[in-house]
Protein backbone atom coordinates (compact mmCIF):
# COMPACT_ATOMS: atom_id res chain seq x y z
CA MET A 1 0.09 0.14 0.29
CA SER A 2 1.41 3.60 -0.76
CA CYS A 3 2.10 5.96 1.87
CA ILE A 4 -0.55 8.74 0.84
CA THR A 5 -0.05 12.38 2.75
CA LYS A 6 -2.75 14.81 3.33
CA ASP A 7 -0.22 17.43 4.49
CA LYS A 8 0.00 20.76 3.14
CA ILE A 9 3.61 20.95 2.69
CA ILE A 10 6.75 18.05 2.53
CA THR A 11 10.18 18.92 2.82
CA ILE A 12 13.01 17.05 0.70
CA GLY A 13 16.11 17.58 1.75
CA SER A 14 16.87 21.25 3.15
CA SER A 15 13.81 22.03 1.00
CA SER A 16 10.16 22.61 2.69
CA TRP A 17 7.50 23.08 -0.90
CA LEU A 18 3.55 23.52 -0.67
CA ILE A 19 1.82 21.44 -2.20
CA ASN A 20 -1.82 20.52 -3.77
CA SER A 21 -2.48 17.63 -1.48
CA SER A 22 -6.67 18.87 -1.23
CA GLY A 23 -9.13 16.05 -2.36
CA SER A 24 -7.64 12.41 -2.01
CA GLY A 25 -4.29 13.38 -0.90
CA LEU A 26 -0.49 12.71 -2.65
CA ILE A 27 0.99 9.24 -3.13
CA VAL A 28 4.39 10.55 -1.67
CA HIS A 29 6.88 8.23 -3.27
CA SER A 30 5.64 9.78 -6.53
CA LEU A 31 5.58 12.96 -5.27
CA LYS A 32 9.43 12.79 -3.98
CA ALA A 33 10.43 10.89 -7.29
CA ILE A 34 8.75 14.39 -9.26
CA ILE A 35 9.99 17.06 -7.00
CA ASN A 36 13.39 15.33 -7.14
CA GLN A 37 13.77 15.78 -11.14
CA VAL A 38 12.87 18.94 -10.91
CA ASN A 39 15.58 19.83 -8.39
CA VAL A 40 17.99 17.05 -10.30
CA ILE A 41 17.52 19.21 -13.67
CA LEU A 42 18.27 22.37 -12.07
CA THR A 43 21.56 21.35 -10.89
CA HIS A 44 22.60 21.02 -14.92
CA HIS A 45 20.53 24.47 -15.76
CA SER A 46 20.04 27.64 -13.77
CA ARG A 47 16.96 28.10 -15.82
CA VAL A 48 14.37 25.15 -16.49
CA HIS A 49 11.36 25.86 -18.88
CA LEU A 50 8.86 23.47 -17.27
CA ILE A 51 5.19 22.56 -19.49
CA ARG A 52 2.22 20.75 -17.94
CA PHE A 53 -0.38 19.30 -20.20
CA ASP A 54 -2.75 16.53 -20.40
CA LEU A 55 -3.12 13.53 -23.29
CA ARG A 56 -5.61 12.09 -23.27
CA LEU A 57 -7.00 8.55 -25.20
CA TYR A 58 -9.54 7.41 -27.42
CA HIS A 59 -9.20 3.57 -26.65
CA TYR A 60 -7.72 2.02 -23.29
CA THR A 61 -4.81 0.18 -23.24
CA ASP A 62 -3.52 -2.27 -20.48
CA ASP A 63 -0.03 -1.18 -20.60
CA ASN A 64 2.08 2.26 -20.54
CA LYS A 65 3.67 1.08 -23.92
CA ILE A 66 2.01 4.40 -25.81
CA ILE A 67 3.36 6.73 -23.29
CA VAL A 68 6.93 5.57 -23.87
CA THR A 69 6.55 6.11 -27.52
CA PHE A 70 5.33 9.52 -26.40
CA ASN A 71 8.14 9.89 -24.52
CA LYS A 72 10.88 8.68 -27.51
CA ARG A 73 9.43 10.94 -30.05
CA LEU A 74 8.93 14.00 -28.42
CA HIS A 75 12.66 13.90 -26.48
CA LYS A 76 14.45 13.01 -29.54
CA TRP A 77 12.98 16.21 -31.47
CA LEU A 78 13.38 18.39 -28.46
CA LYS A 79 17.27 16.81 -28.32
CA ARG A 80 17.55 17.56 -31.90
CA LYS A 81 15.97 21.17 -32.26
CA TYR A 82 17.26 22.53 -29.35
CA GLN A 83 20.78 21.21 -29.08
CA VAL A 84 20.10 19.74 -25.61
CA ASP A 85 21.53 16.24 -24.23
CA LYS A 86 18.72 16.61 -21.08
CA VAL A 87 15.41 16.43 -21.19
CA GLY A 88 13.24 15.91 -17.72
CA PHE A 89 9.85 14.53 -17.53
CA ALA A 90 7.45 13.33 -15.14
CA TRP A 91 3.85 11.13 -16.51
CA CYS A 92 1.17 10.12 -14.50
CA ARG A 93 -1.98 7.55 -15.72
CA GLU A 94 -5.21 8.23 -14.68
CA GLN A 95 -8.63 6.37 -15.02
CA GLU A 96 -11.26 7.17 -12.71
CA LYS A 97 -15.23 7.20 -14.60
CA SER A 98 -13.79 7.02 -18.13
CA GLU A 99 -13.21 3.51 -20.43
CA GLN A 100 -9.75 4.85 -21.42
CA GLN A 101 -6.72 6.18 -19.21
CA HIS A 102 -5.41 9.46 -19.53
CA TYR A 103 -1.99 11.03 -19.07
CA HIS A 104 -0.75 14.17 -17.00
CA TYR A 105 2.59 15.29 -18.44
CA VAL A 106 5.08 17.66 -17.27
CA VAL A 107 8.35 18.15 -19.55
CA MET A 108 11.80 20.01 -18.37
CA ILE A 109 14.29 21.33 -20.55
CA ASN A 110 17.33 23.97 -20.40
CA GLY A 111 15.35 27.16 -20.07
CA HIS A 112 18.67 29.20 -21.52
CA LYS A 113 17.37 27.49 -24.93
CA VAL A 114 13.60 27.80 -24.62
CA ARG A 115 11.34 30.15 -22.92
CA HIS A 116 7.38 29.51 -23.93
CA PRO A 117 6.23 26.56 -24.89
CA HIS A 118 4.77 27.03 -28.11
CA GLU A 119 6.83 24.99 -30.41
CA ILE A 120 7.17 22.40 -27.92
CA LEU A 121 3.41 22.05 -27.33
CA LYS A 122 3.09 22.34 -31.41
CA LYS A 123 5.26 18.71 -31.81
CA ALA A 124 3.70 17.43 -28.72
CA THR A 125 0.61 17.55 -30.08
CA GLU A 126 1.20 16.52 -34.00
CA ILE A 127 2.83 13.68 -31.94
CA TRP A 128 0.21 12.54 -29.62
CA ASN A 129 -2.97 13.66 -31.81
CA GLU A 130 -1.82 12.54 -35.21
CA HIS A 131 0.78 9.66 -34.81
CA LEU A 132 -0.43 8.02 -31.47
CA GLY A 133 -4.80 8.74 -31.58
CA GLY A 134 -5.58 10.73 -28.82
CA SER A 135 -6.00 14.26 -27.95
CA LEU A 136 -3.23 17.04 -26.33
CA TYR A 137 -4.78 19.50 -23.69
CA THR A 138 -3.02 22.17 -22.43
CA PRO A 139 -3.97 23.49 -19.52
CA LYS A 140 -4.47 27.27 -18.61
CA ASN A 141 -1.13 28.70 -17.79
CA CYS A 142 0.83 25.73 -18.37
CA TYR A 143 4.66 26.69 -18.22
CA TYR A 144 7.10 27.77 -15.68
CA ASN A 145 10.17 29.52 -15.95
CA LEU A 146 12.75 28.42 -13.14
CA LYS A 147 15.83 29.47 -11.75
CA ARG A 148 18.13 28.00 -9.68
CA ASN A 149 17.92 28.62 -6.42
CA ASP A 150 14.88 31.06 -6.87
CA PHE A 151 12.46 29.58 -4.36
CA ASP A 152 9.49 32.09 -5.97
CA SER A 153 9.99 30.81 -9.58
CA ILE A 154 10.16 27.10 -8.49
CA GLN A 155 7.34 27.17 -5.54
CA PRO A 156 4.17 27.82 -8.17
CA ALA A 157 6.04 24.87 -10.62
CA ILE A 158 6.13 22.60 -7.82
CA TYR A 159 2.65 23.28 -6.49
CA ARG A 160 1.12 22.57 -10.16
CA ILE A 161 2.92 19.31 -10.71
CA SER A 162 2.30 18.01 -7.50
CA TYR A 163 -1.03 17.00 -8.63
CA LEU A 164 0.09 14.85 -10.42
CA ALA A 165 0.87 12.57 -7.55
CA LYS A 166 -2.68 12.37 -6.30
CA ALA A 167 -4.14 8.74 -5.10
CA LYS A 168 -7.38 9.57 -6.42
CA GLY A 169 -7.80 7.65 -10.10
CA LYS A 170 -4.69 5.50 -9.87
CA GLY A 171 -6.01 2.18 -9.39
CA LYS A 172 -7.92 0.86 -12.68
CA LYS A 173 -4.80 -1.02 -14.23
CA PRO A 174 -3.18 -3.88 -14.23
CA ALA A 175 -0.60 -4.92 -11.34
CA GLN A 176 2.52 -4.61 -13.33
CA THR A 177 1.37 -1.43 -14.57
CA LYS A 178 2.82 1.69 -13.21
CA ASN A 179 0.86 5.00 -12.47
CA TYR A 180 3.62 7.04 -12.86
CA GLY A 181 7.33 7.51 -14.24
CA THR A 182 10.01 10.09 -14.38
CA SER A 183 13.25 10.70 -16.01
CA ARG A 184 16.44 9.85 -14.23
CA MET A 185 18.54 12.09 -14.43
CA LYS A 186 21.46 12.65 -11.67
CA SER A 187 22.69 15.79 -9.97
CA LYS A 188 25.61 17.41 -11.71
CA VAL A 189 28.23 17.01 -9.06
CA THR A 190 30.10 20.10 -8.50
């Protein structure tokens, strides 16, 4: 059984973050993994562009192969287009009342190369809608420009993406299928 928190603040290392734990609460290990990847990419880049969007499907799948395919295609394009070697991400799979699952998705990239999400969202939409058979939804105010060691630029993004770790909607799947995934970047050694 996953540990769920309804606390409004989580402390990771020496930083404490406000989180959106209203409703069903947040799955702690998922939340920590997501926040960790934000912290890690900020060790590689003093500025990080973070984008949050939703990926809807028209048909149910037992596994997450479609999100793996999406990741590979989007990240290959991002690395080529922006000449970056690191792309951070987090996703969660949810299914509540609908017949098919959907995904909440976050991508993080060098903020010195990208400051606005237009081109990335256009490509992500093309990959998801045209090639993988779903629809991409962009919520209002979908991006953040983070600055290393700048709590005021990071906190709103952490609060927003903490939603990915919510407990509700995570049960309808085969046992071997994951509820979430993140990049596995390691901190830059200074």
